């Protein structure tokens, strides 16, 4: 399956408990079709003390969200948009279907 969301894109969550939250994509897992969005879908993880974290305790971190629950935010209008691909000047580029701008 072709993933239309990449690392560094600004996305909005369109379904689930965190609906409406915007953030930047930190990582994308192509095998599981999931992405981690900065500041969204925060979960609490109990962590044992280690050399890096001598206190241990409860740590807040981002959990993965399925790609189908994310929508790309158009940089021009600030609204969600779909992504298309086409050939421009001999190169395959991604573009926003709302504003027809190259992403």
PDB file of N, CA and C in Angstrom:
ATOM      1  N   UNK A   1       0.829  -1.180   0.000  1.00  0.00           N
ATOM      2  CA  UNK A   1       0.000   0.000   0.000  1.00  0.00           C
ATOM      3  C   UNK A   1       0.876   1.247   0.000  1.00  0.00           C
ATOM      4  N   UNK A   2       0.540   2.208  -0.822  1.00  0.00           N
ATOM      5  CA  UNK A   2       1.292   3.452  -0.910  1.00  0.00           C
ATOM      6  C   UNK A   2       0.882   4.372   0.232  1.00  0.00           C
ATOM      7  N   UNK A   3       1.852   4.737   1.088  1.00  0.00           N
ATOM      8  CA  UNK A   3       1.563   5.659   2.183  1.00  0.00           C
ATOM      9  C   UNK A   3       1.756   7.079   1.688  1.00  0.00           C
ATOM     10  N   UNK A   4       0.762   7.913   1.877  1.00  0.00           N
ATOM     11  CA  UNK A   4       0.826   9.278   1.382  1.00  0.00           C
ATOM     12  C   UNK A   4       1.254  10.269   2.453  1.00  0.00           C
ATOM     13  N   UNK A   5       1.521   9.768   3.645  1.00  0.00           N
ATOM     14  CA  UNK A   5       2.003  10.611   4.735  1.00  0.00           C
ATOM     15  C   UNK A   5       3.445  10.220   5.031  1.00  0.00           C
ATOM     16  N   UNK A   6       4.300  11.230   5.148  1.00  0.00           N
ATOM     17  CA  UNK A   6       5.721  10.992   5.367  1.00  0.00           C
ATOM     18  C   UNK A   6       6.193  11.685   6.635  1.00  0.00           C
ATOM     19  N   UNK A   7       7.399  11.333   7.075  1.00  0.00           N
ATOM     20  CA  UNK A   7       8.008  11.965   8.235  1.00  0.00           C
ATOM     21  C   UNK A   7       8.189  13.454   7.957  1.00  0.00           C
ATOM     22  N   UNK A   8       7.803  14.284   8.927  1.00  0.00           N
ATOM     23  CA  UNK A   8       7.944  15.732   8.784  1.00  0.00           C
ATOM     24  C   UNK A   8       6.676  16.431   8.327  1.00  0.00           C
ATOM     25  N   UNK A   9       5.680  15.695   7.847  1.00  0.00           N
ATOM     26  CA  UNK A   9       4.410  16.296   7.421  1.00  0.00           C
ATOM     27  C   UNK A   9       3.615  16.762   8.637  1.00  0.00           C
ATOM     28  N   UNK A  10       2.832  17.824   8.456  1.00  0.00           N
ATOM     29  CA  UNK A  10       1.897  18.261   9.488  1.00  0.00           C
ATOM     30  C   UNK A  10       0.556  17.603   9.207  1.00  0.00           C
ATOM     31  N   UNK A  11       0.022  16.912  10.212  1.00  0.00           N
ATOM     32  CA  UNK A  11      -1.220  16.162  10.024  1.00  0.00           C
ATOM     33  C   UNK A  11      -2.225  16.520  11.113  1.00  0.00           C
ATOM     34  N   UNK A  12      -3.488  16.198  10.852  1.00  0.00           N
ATOM     35  CA  UNK A  12      -4.561  16.349  11.828  1.00  0.00           C
ATOM     36  C   UNK A  12      -5.185  14.979  12.028  1.00  0.00           C
ATOM     37  N   UNK A  13      -5.472  14.640  13.281  1.00  0.00           N
ATOM     38  CA  UNK A  13      -6.126  13.372  13.588  1.00  0.00           C
ATOM     39  C   UNK A  13      -7.611  13.549  13.315  1.00  0.00           C
ATOM     40  N   UNK A  14      -8.175  12.647  12.487  1.00  0.00           N
ATOM     41  CA  UNK A  14      -9.565  12.805  12.053  1.00  0.00           C
ATOM     42  C   UNK A  14     -10.511  11.800  12.698  1.00  0.00           C
ATOM     43  N   UNK A  15      -9.995  10.877  13.517  1.00  0.00           N
ATOM     44  CA  UNK A  15     -10.851   9.887  14.167  1.00  0.00           C
ATOM     45  C   UNK A  15     -10.203   9.428  15.460  1.00  0.00           C
ATOM     46  N   UNK A  16     -11.025   9.001  16.396  1.00  0.00           N
ATOM     47  CA  UNK A  16     -10.523   8.453  17.645  1.00  0.00           C
ATOM     48  C   UNK A  16     -10.604   9.453  18.785  1.00  0.00           C
ATOM     49  N   UNK A  17      -9.997   9.086  19.909  1.00  0.00           N
ATOM     50  CA  UNK A  17     -10.047   9.902  21.119  1.00  0.00           C
ATOM     51  C   UNK A  17      -9.361  11.253  20.960  1.00  0.00           C
ATOM     52  N   UNK A  18      -8.375  11.340  20.100  1.00  0.00           N
ATOM     53  CA  UNK A  18      -7.591  12.559  19.938  1.00  0.00           C
ATOM     54  C   UNK A  18      -7.970  13.325  18.670  1.00  0.00           C
ATOM     55  N   UNK A  19      -9.209  13.190  18.251  1.00  0.00           N
ATOM     56  CA  UNK A  19      -9.705  13.829  17.033  1.00  0.00           C
ATOM     57  C   UNK A  19      -9.525  15.346  17.108  1.00  0.00           C
ATOM     58  N   UNK A  20      -8.990  15.934  16.027  1.00  0.00           N
ATOM     59  CA  UNK A  20      -8.802  17.375  15.949  1.00  0.00           C
ATOM     60  C   UNK A  20      -7.421  17.854  16.329  1.00  0.00           C
ATOM     61  N   UNK A  21      -6.590  16.991  16.905  1.00  0.00           N
ATOM     62  CA  UNK A  21      -5.248  17.382  17.320  1.00  0.00           C
ATOM     63  C   UNK A  21      -4.328  17.428  16.106  1.00  0.00           C
ATOM     64  N   UNK A  22      -3.531  18.502  16.006  1.00  0.00           N
ATOM     65  CA  UNK A  22      -2.555  18.630  14.916  1.00  0.00           C
ATOM     66  C   UNK A  22      -1.161  18.429  15.463  1.00  0.00           C
ATOM     67  N   UNK A  23      -0.280  17.928  14.615  1.00  0.00           N
ATOM     68  CA  UNK A  23       1.106  17.745  15.012  1.00  0.00           C
ATOM     69  C   UNK A  23       1.949  17.308  13.834  1.00  0.00           C
ATOM     70  N   UNK A  24       3.244  17.246  14.075  1.00  0.00           N
ATOM     71  CA  UNK A  24       4.195  16.849  13.043  1.00  0.00           C
ATOM     72  C   UNK A  24       4.476  15.357  13.167  1.00  0.00           C
ATOM     73  N   UNK A  25       4.569  14.670  12.047  1.00  0.00           N
ATOM     74  CA  UNK A  25       4.846  13.233  12.040  1.00  0.00           C
ATOM     75  C   UNK A  25       6.318  13.016  12.369  1.00  0.00           C
ATOM     76  N   UNK A  26       6.579  12.231  13.422  1.00  0.00           N
ATOM     77  CA  UNK A  26       7.959  11.960  13.827  1.00  0.00           C
ATOM     78  C   UNK A  26       8.503  10.718  13.132  1.00  0.00           C
ATOM     79  N   UNK A  27       7.722   9.637  13.113  1.00  0.00           N
ATOM     80  CA  UNK A  27       8.146   8.413  12.434  1.00  0.00           C
ATOM     81  C   UNK A  27       6.946   7.753  11.774  1.00  0.00           C
ATOM     82  N   UNK A  28       7.233   6.943  10.747  1.00  0.00           N
ATOM     83  CA  UNK A  28       6.207   6.183  10.041  1.00  0.00           C
ATOM     84  C   UNK A  28       6.663   4.732   9.976  1.00  0.00           C
ATOM     85  N   UNK A  29       5.781   3.808  10.388  1.00  0.00           N
ATOM     86  CA  UNK A  29       6.057   2.378  10.307  1.00  0.00           C
ATOM     87  C   UNK A  29       5.293   1.832   9.102  1.00  0.00           C
ATOM     88  N   UNK A  30       5.993   1.555   8.022  1.00  0.00           N
ATOM     89  CA  UNK A  30       5.372   1.125   6.769  1.00  0.00           C
ATOM     90  C   UNK A  30       4.763  -0.274   6.867  1.00  0.00           C
ATOM     91  N   UNK A  31       5.332  -1.139   7.688  1.00  0.00           N
ATOM     92  CA  UNK A  31       4.820  -2.503   7.801  1.00  0.00           C
ATOM     93  C   UNK A  31       3.486  -2.547   8.546  1.00  0.00           C
ATOM     94  N   UNK A  32       3.350  -1.733   9.582  1.00  0.00           N
ATOM     95  CA  UNK A  32       2.126  -1.728  10.383  1.00  0.00           C
ATOM     96  C   UNK A  32       1.148  -0.633   9.953  1.00  0.00           C
ATOM     97  N   UNK A  33       1.533   0.228   8.994  1.00  0.00           N
ATOM     98  CA  UNK A  33       0.715   1.358   8.541  1.00  0.00           C
ATOM     99  C   UNK A  33       0.354   2.283   9.695  1.00  0.00           C
ATOM    100  N   UNK A  34       1.332   2.594  10.530  1.00  0.00           N
ATOM    101  CA  UNK A  34       1.109   3.463  11.682  1.00  0.00           C
ATOM    102  C   UNK A  34       2.149   4.576  11.687  1.00  0.00           C
ATOM    103  N   UNK A  35       1.797   5.684  12.351  1.00  0.00           N
ATOM    104  CA  UNK A  35       2.701   6.825  12.467  1.00  0.00           C
ATOM    105  C   UNK A  35       2.660   7.344  13.895  1.00  0.00           C
ATOM    106  N   UNK A  36       3.751   7.994  14.314  1.00  0.00           N
ATOM    107  CA  UNK A  36       3.802   8.647  15.616  1.00  0.00           C
ATOM    108  C   UNK A  36       3.759  10.140  15.370  1.00  0.00           C
ATOM    109  N   UNK A  37       2.752  10.803  15.967  1.00  0.00           N
ATOM    110  CA  UNK A  37       2.544  12.234  15.786  1.00  0.00           C
ATOM    111  C   UNK A  37       2.986  12.952  17.055  1.00  0.00           C
ATOM    112  N   UNK A  38       3.775  14.009  16.886  1.00  0.00           N
ATOM    113  CA  UNK A  38       4.330  14.761  18.007  1.00  0.00           C
ATOM    114  C   UNK A  38       3.216  15.403  18.837  1.00  0.00           C
ATOM    115  N   UNK A  39       3.185  15.114  20.132  1.00  0.00           N
ATOM    116  CA  UNK A  39       2.226  15.724  21.050  1.00  0.00           C
ATOM    117  C   UNK A  39       0.830  15.128  21.019  1.00  0.00           C
ATOM    118  N   UNK A  40       0.616  14.058  20.289  1.00  0.00           N
ATOM    119  CA  UNK A  40      -0.720  13.458  20.191  1.00  0.00           C
ATOM    120  C   UNK A  40      -0.684  12.013  20.661  1.00  0.00           C
ATOM    121  N   UNK A  41      -1.827  11.518  21.135  1.00  0.00           N
ATOM    122  CA  UNK A  41      -1.973  10.141  21.575  1.00  0.00           C
ATOM    123  C   UNK A  41      -0.949   9.792  22.659  1.00  0.00           C
ATOM    124  N   UNK A  42      -0.861  10.647  23.683  1.00  0.00           N
ATOM    125  CA  UNK A  42       0.082  10.435  24.773  1.00  0.00           C
ATOM    126  C   UNK A  42      -0.409   9.301  25.679  1.00  0.00           C
ATOM    127  N   UNK A  43       0.507   8.409  26.029  1.00  0.00           N
ATOM    128  CA  UNK A  43       0.204   7.306  26.933  1.00  0.00           C
ATOM    129  C   UNK A  43       1.203   7.314  28.080  1.00  0.00           C
ATOM    130  N   UNK A  44       0.809   6.738  29.217  1.00  0.00           N
ATOM    131  CA  UNK A  44       1.687   6.631  30.371  1.00  0.00           C
ATOM    132  C   UNK A  44       2.356   5.269  30.352  1.00  0.00           C
ATOM    133  N   UNK A  45       3.665   5.275  30.553  1.00  0.00           N
ATOM    134  CA  UNK A  45       4.418   4.022  30.559  1.00  0.00           C
ATOM    135  C   UNK A  45       5.182   3.940  31.877  1.00  0.00           C
ATOM    136  N   UNK A  46       5.023   2.820  32.575  1.00  0.00           N
ATOM    137  CA  UNK A  46       5.766   2.607  33.810  1.00  0.00           C
ATOM    138  C   UNK A  46       7.156   2.113  33.435  1.00  0.00           C
ATOM    139  N   UNK A  47       8.189   2.820  33.927  1.00  0.00           N
ATOM    140  CA  UNK A  47       9.553   2.499  33.522  1.00  0.00           C
ATOM    141  C   UNK A  47      10.404   2.158  34.751  1.00  0.00           C
ATOM    142  N   UNK A  48      11.160   1.071  34.630  1.00  0.00           N
ATOM    143  CA  UNK A  48      12.048   0.656  35.702  1.00  0.00           C
ATOM    144  C   UNK A  48      13.245   1.608  35.756  1.00  0.00           C
ATOM    145  N   UNK A  49      13.853   1.789  36.923  1.00  0.00           N
ATOM    146  CA  UNK A  49      15.070   2.603  36.989  1.00  0.00           C
ATOM    147  C   UNK A  49      16.194   1.991  36.159  1.00  0.00           C
ATOM    148  N   UNK A  50      16.945   2.845  35.472  1.00  0.00           N
ATOM    149  CA  UNK A  50      18.072   2.390  34.653  1.00  0.00           C
ATOM    150  C   UNK A  50      19.193   3.416  34.781  1.00  0.00           C
ATOM    151  N   UNK A  51      20.275   3.196  34.058  1.00  0.00           N
ATOM    152  CA  UNK A  51      21.398   4.128  34.098  1.00  0.00           C
ATOM    153  C   UNK A  51      21.002   5.483  33.504  1.00  0.00           C
ATOM    154  N   UNK A  52      20.192   5.466  32.454  1.00  0.00           N
ATOM    155  CA  UNK A  52      19.760   6.717  31.816  1.00  0.00           C
ATOM    156  C   UNK A  52      18.689   7.423  32.643  1.00  0.00           C
ATOM    157  N   UNK A  53      17.832   6.662  33.304  1.00  0.00           N
ATOM    158  CA  UNK A  53      16.748   7.207  34.095  1.00  0.00           C
ATOM    159  C   UNK A  53      16.801   6.574  35.498  1.00  0.00           C
ATOM    160  N   UNK A  54      17.662   7.113  36.399  1.00  0.00           N
ATOM    161  CA  UNK A  54      17.850   6.469  37.705  1.00  0.00           C
ATOM    162  C   UNK A  54      16.608   6.503  38.596  1.00  0.00           C
ATOM    163  N   UNK A  55      15.711   7.464  38.394  1.00  0.00           N
ATOM    164  CA  UNK A  55      14.496   7.548  39.194  1.00  0.00           C
ATOM    165  C   UNK A  55      13.465   6.507  38.781  1.00  0.00           C
ATOM    166  N   UNK A  56      13.358   6.267  37.451  1.00  0.00           N
ATOM    167  CA  UNK A  56      12.292   5.395  36.966  1.00  0.00           C
ATOM    168  C   UNK A  56      10.971   6.129  37.058  1.00  0.00           C
ATOM    169  N   UNK A  57       9.873   5.410  37.247  1.00  0.00           N
ATOM    170  CA  UNK A  57       8.576   6.043  37.434  1.00  0.00           C
ATOM    171  C   UNK A  57       7.732   6.025  36.176  1.00  0.00           C
ATOM    172  N   UNK A  58       6.726   6.909  36.156  1.00  0.00           N
ATOM    173  CA  UNK A  58       5.779   6.964  35.050  1.00  0.00           C
ATOM    174  C   UNK A  58       6.263   8.000  34.037  1.00  0.00           C
ATOM    175  N   UNK A  59       6.366   7.573  32.778  1.00  0.00           N
ATOM    176  CA  UNK A  59       6.859   8.430  31.691  1.00  0.00           C
ATOM    177  C   UNK A  59       5.740   8.602  30.669  1.00  0.00           C
ATOM    178  N   UNK A  60       5.525   9.834  30.206  1.00  0.00           N
ATOM    179  CA  UNK A  60       4.546  10.102  29.148  1.00  0.00           C
ATOM    180  C   UNK A  60       5.263  10.042  27.806  1.00  0.00           C
ATOM    181  N   UNK A  61       4.665   9.327  26.839  1.00  0.00           N
ATOM    182  CA  UNK A  61       5.254   9.254  25.503  1.00  0.00           C
ATOM    183  C   UNK A  61       4.144   9.089  24.474  1.00  0.00           C
ATOM    184  N   UNK A  62       4.479   9.372  23.201  1.00  0.00           N
ATOM    185  CA  UNK A  62       3.508   9.266  22.118  1.00  0.00           C
ATOM    186  C   UNK A  62       3.362   7.815  21.683  1.00  0.00           C
ATOM    187  N   UNK A  63       2.129   7.415  21.397  1.00  0.00           N
ATOM    188  CA  UNK A  63       1.858   6.083  20.876  1.00  0.00           C
ATOM    189  C   UNK A  63       1.524   6.199  19.390  1.00  0.00           C
ATOM    190  N   UNK A  64       1.634   5.095  18.672  1.00  0.00           N
ATOM    191  CA  UNK A  64       1.391   5.083  17.230  1.00  0.00           C
ATOM    192  C   UNK A  64      -0.102   5.195  16.929  1.00  0.00           C
ATOM    193  N   UNK A  65      -0.403   5.834  15.793  1.00  0.00           N
ATOM    194  CA  UNK A  65      -1.777   6.001  15.315  1.00  0.00           C
ATOM    195  C   UNK A  65      -1.830   5.435  13.906  1.00  0.00           C
ATOM    196  N   UNK A  66      -2.925   4.769  13.564  1.00  0.00           N
ATOM    197  CA  UNK A  66      -3.064   4.207  12.224  1.00  0.00           C
ATOM    198  C   UNK A  66      -3.146   5.331  11.191  1.00  0.00           C
ATOM    199  N   UNK A  67      -2.528   5.111  10.036  1.00  0.00           N
ATOM    200  CA  UNK A  67      -2.470   6.116   8.964  1.00  0.00           C
ATOM    201  C   UNK A  67      -3.867   6.541   8.506  1.00  0.00           C
ATOM    202  N   UNK A  68      -4.841   5.629   8.554  1.00  0.00           N
ATOM    203  CA  UNK A  68      -6.186   5.958   8.093  1.00  0.00           C
ATOM    204  C   UNK A  68      -6.855   7.008   8.971  1.00  0.00           C
ATOM    205  N   UNK A  69      -6.359   7.210  10.185  1.00  0.00           N
ATOM    206  CA  UNK A  69      -6.923   8.193  11.102  1.00  0.00           C
ATOM    207  C   UNK A  69      -6.223   9.543  11.015  1.00  0.00           C
ATOM    208  N   UNK A  70      -5.332   9.718  10.039  1.00  0.00           N
ATOM    209  CA  UNK A  70      -4.589  10.965   9.868  1.00  0.00           C
ATOM    210  C   UNK A  70      -4.923  11.592   8.521  1.00  0.00           C
ATOM    211  N   UNK A  71      -4.930  12.911   8.493  1.00  0.00           N
ATOM    212  CA  UNK A  71      -5.144  13.636   7.249  1.00  0.00           C
ATOM    213  C   UNK A  71      -4.118  14.758   7.162  1.00  0.00           C
ATOM    214  N   UNK A  72      -3.522  14.922   6.006  1.00  0.00           N
ATOM    215  CA  UNK A  72      -2.501  15.942   5.797  1.00  0.00           C
ATOM    216  C   UNK A  72      -3.115  17.326   5.875  1.00  0.00           C
ATOM    217  N   UNK A  73      -2.412  18.283   6.512  1.00  0.00           N
ATOM    218  CA  UNK A  73      -2.883  19.655   6.611  1.00  0.00           C
ATOM    219  C   UNK A  73      -2.204  20.467   5.505  1.00  0.00           C
ATOM    220  N   UNK A  74      -3.020  21.175   4.714  1.00  0.00           N
ATOM    221  CA  UNK A  74      -2.506  22.018   3.631  1.00  0.00           C
ATOM    222  C   UNK A  74      -1.805  23.226   4.234  1.00  0.00           C
ATOM    223  N   UNK A  75      -0.568  23.475   3.854  1.00  0.00           N
ATOM    224  CA  UNK A  75       0.205  24.572   4.424  1.00  0.00           C
ATOM    225  C   UNK A  75      -0.346  25.937   4.012  1.00  0.00           C
ATOM    226  N   UNK A  76      -1.010  26.008   2.879  1.00  0.00           N
ATOM    227  CA  UNK A  76      -1.538  27.285   2.376  1.00  0.00           C
ATOM    228  C   UNK A  76      -2.819  27.697   3.100  1.00  0.00           C
ATOM    229  N   UNK A  77      -3.792  26.778   3.198  1.00  0.00           N
ATOM    230  CA  UNK A  77      -5.094  27.120   3.767  1.00  0.00           C
ATOM    231  C   UNK A  77      -5.268  26.677   5.221  1.00  0.00           C
ATOM    232  N   UNK A  78      -4.476  25.734   5.687  1.00  0.00           N
ATOM    233  CA  UNK A  78      -4.608  25.229   7.046  1.00  0.00           C
ATOM    234  C   UNK A  78      -5.704  24.195   7.206  1.00  0.00           C
ATOM    235  N   UNK A  79      -6.321  23.765   6.109  1.00  0.00           N
ATOM    236  CA  UNK A  79      -7.368  22.754   6.142  1.00  0.00           C
ATOM    237  C   UNK A  79      -6.786  21.399   5.757  1.00  0.00           C
ATOM    238  N   UNK A  80      -7.527  20.336   6.080  1.00  0.00           N
ATOM    239  CA  UNK A  80      -7.066  19.012   5.683  1.00  0.00           C
ATOM    240  C   UNK A  80      -7.267  18.828   4.187  1.00  0.00           C
ATOM    241  N   UNK A  81      -6.410  18.037   3.593  1.00  0.00           N
ATOM    242  CA  UNK A  81      -6.468  17.823   2.155  1.00  0.00           C
ATOM    243  C   UNK A  81      -6.042  16.406   1.821  1.00  0.00           C
ATOM    244  N   UNK A  82      -6.406  15.964   0.631  1.00  0.00           N
ATOM    245  CA  UNK A  82      -5.936  14.679   0.143  1.00  0.00           C
ATOM    246  C   UNK A  82      -4.654  14.902  -0.651  1.00  0.00           C
ATOM    247  N   UNK A  83      -3.915  13.825  -0.870  1.00  0.00           N
ATOM    248  CA  UNK A  83      -2.626  13.899  -1.546  1.00  0.00           C
ATOM    249  C   UNK A  83      -2.724  13.200  -2.893  1.00  0.00           C
ATOM    250  N   UNK A  84      -2.152  13.824  -3.908  1.00  0.00           N
ATOM    251  CA  UNK A  84      -2.090  13.222  -5.227  1.00  0.00           C
ATOM    252  C   UNK A  84      -0.658  13.179  -5.715  1.00  0.00           C
ATOM    253  N   UNK A  85      -0.425  12.369  -6.725  1.00  0.00           N
ATOM    254  CA  UNK A  85       0.900  12.266  -7.338  1.00  0.00           C
ATOM    255  C   UNK A  85       0.760  12.557  -8.824  1.00  0.00           C
ATOM    256  N   UNK A  86       1.736  13.286  -9.387  1.00  0.00           N
ATOM    257  CA  UNK A  86       1.760  13.511 -10.828  1.00  0.00           C
ATOM    258  C   UNK A  86       3.181  13.846 -11.257  1.00  0.00           C
ATOM    259  N   UNK A  87       3.397  13.816 -12.555  1.00  0.00           N
ATOM    260  CA  UNK A  87       4.698  14.141 -13.117  1.00  0.00           C
ATOM    261  C   UNK A  87       4.740  15.637 -13.421  1.00  0.00           C
ATOM    262  N   UNK A  88       5.720  16.344 -12.859  1.00  0.00           N
ATOM    263  CA  UNK A  88       5.943  17.758 -13.143  1.00  0.00           C
ATOM    264  C   UNK A  88       7.425  17.940 -13.440  1.00  0.00           C
ATOM    265  N   UNK A  89       7.719  18.479 -14.593  1.00  0.00           N
ATOM    266  CA  UNK A  89       9.108  18.697 -15.038  1.00  0.00           C
ATOM    267  C   UNK A  89       9.931  17.410 -15.006  1.00  0.00           C
ATOM    268  N   UNK A  90       9.310  16.304 -15.366  1.00  0.00           N
ATOM    269  CA  UNK A  90      10.011  15.027 -15.437  1.00  0.00           C
ATOM    270  C   UNK A  90      10.219  14.354 -14.096  1.00  0.00           C
ATOM    271  N   UNK A  91       9.645  14.885 -13.011  1.00  0.00           N
ATOM    272  CA  UNK A  91       9.794  14.284 -11.691  1.00  0.00           C
ATOM    273  C   UNK A  91       8.415  13.988 -11.116  1.00  0.00           C
ATOM    274  N   UNK A  92       8.319  12.894 -10.367  1.00  0.00           N
ATOM    275  CA  UNK A  92       7.084  12.547  -9.689  1.00  0.00           C
ATOM    276  C   UNK A  92       7.019  13.328  -8.381  1.00  0.00           C
ATOM    277  N   UNK A  93       5.958  14.117  -8.201  1.00  0.00           N
ATOM    278  CA  UNK A  93       5.835  14.955  -7.017  1.00  0.00           C
ATOM    279  C   UNK A  93       4.493  14.710  -6.327  1.00  0.00           C
ATOM    280  N   UNK A  94       4.459  14.982  -5.005  1.00  0.00           N
ATOM    281  CA  UNK A  94       3.209  14.959  -4.242  1.00  0.00           C
ATOM    282  C   UNK A  94       2.602  16.345  -4.302  1.00  0.00           C
ATOM    283  N   UNK A  95       1.275  16.419  -4.421  1.00  0.00           N
ATOM    284  CA  UNK A  95       0.627  17.724  -4.412  1.00  0.00           C
ATOM    285  C   UNK A  95      -0.664  17.657  -3.621  1.00  0.00           C
ATOM    286  N   UNK A  96      -1.064  18.811  -3.101  1.00  0.00           N
ATOM    287  CA  UNK A  96      -2.305  18.938  -2.353  1.00  0.00           C
ATOM    288  C   UNK A  96      -3.451  19.061  -3.336  1.00  0.00           C
ATOM    289  N   UNK A  97      -4.493  18.245  -3.147  1.00  0.00           N
ATOM    290  CA  UNK A  97      -5.614  18.264  -4.090  1.00  0.00           C
ATOM    291  C   UNK A  97      -6.497  19.498  -3.909  1.00  0.00           C
ATOM    292  N   UNK A  98      -6.452  20.145  -2.732  1.00  0.00           N
ATOM    293  CA  UNK A  98      -7.250  21.350  -2.524  1.00  0.00           C
ATOM    294  C   UNK A  98      -6.633  22.570  -3.187  1.00  0.00           C
ATOM    295  N   UNK A  99      -5.325  22.777  -2.951  1.00  0.00           N
ATOM    296  CA  UNK A  99      -4.678  23.984  -3.464  1.00  0.00           C
ATOM    297  C   UNK A  99      -3.812  23.717  -4.693  1.00  0.00           C
ATOM    298  N   UNK A 100      -3.636  22.450  -5.064  1.00  0.00           N
ATOM    299  CA  UNK A 100      -2.824  22.052  -6.209  1.00  0.00           C
ATOM    300  C   UNK A 100      -1.363  22.488  -6.063  1.00  0.00           C
ATOM    301  N   UNK A 101      -0.907  22.668  -4.814  1.00  0.00           N
ATOM    302  CA  UNK A 101       0.480  23.070  -4.527  1.00  0.00           C
ATOM    303  C   UNK A 101       1.327  21.820  -4.290  1.00  0.00           C
ATOM    304  N   UNK A 102       2.595  21.889  -4.679  1.00  0.00           N
ATOM    305  CA  UNK A 102       3.532  20.799  -4.438  1.00  0.00           C
ATOM    306  C   UNK A 102       3.862  20.768  -2.947  1.00  0.00           C
ATOM    307  N   UNK A 103       3.826  19.569  -2.384  1.00  0.00           N
ATOM    308  CA  UNK A 103       4.127  19.415  -0.947  1.00  0.00           C
ATOM    309  C   UNK A 103       5.614  19.185  -0.770  1.00  0.00           C
TER     310      UNK A 103
END
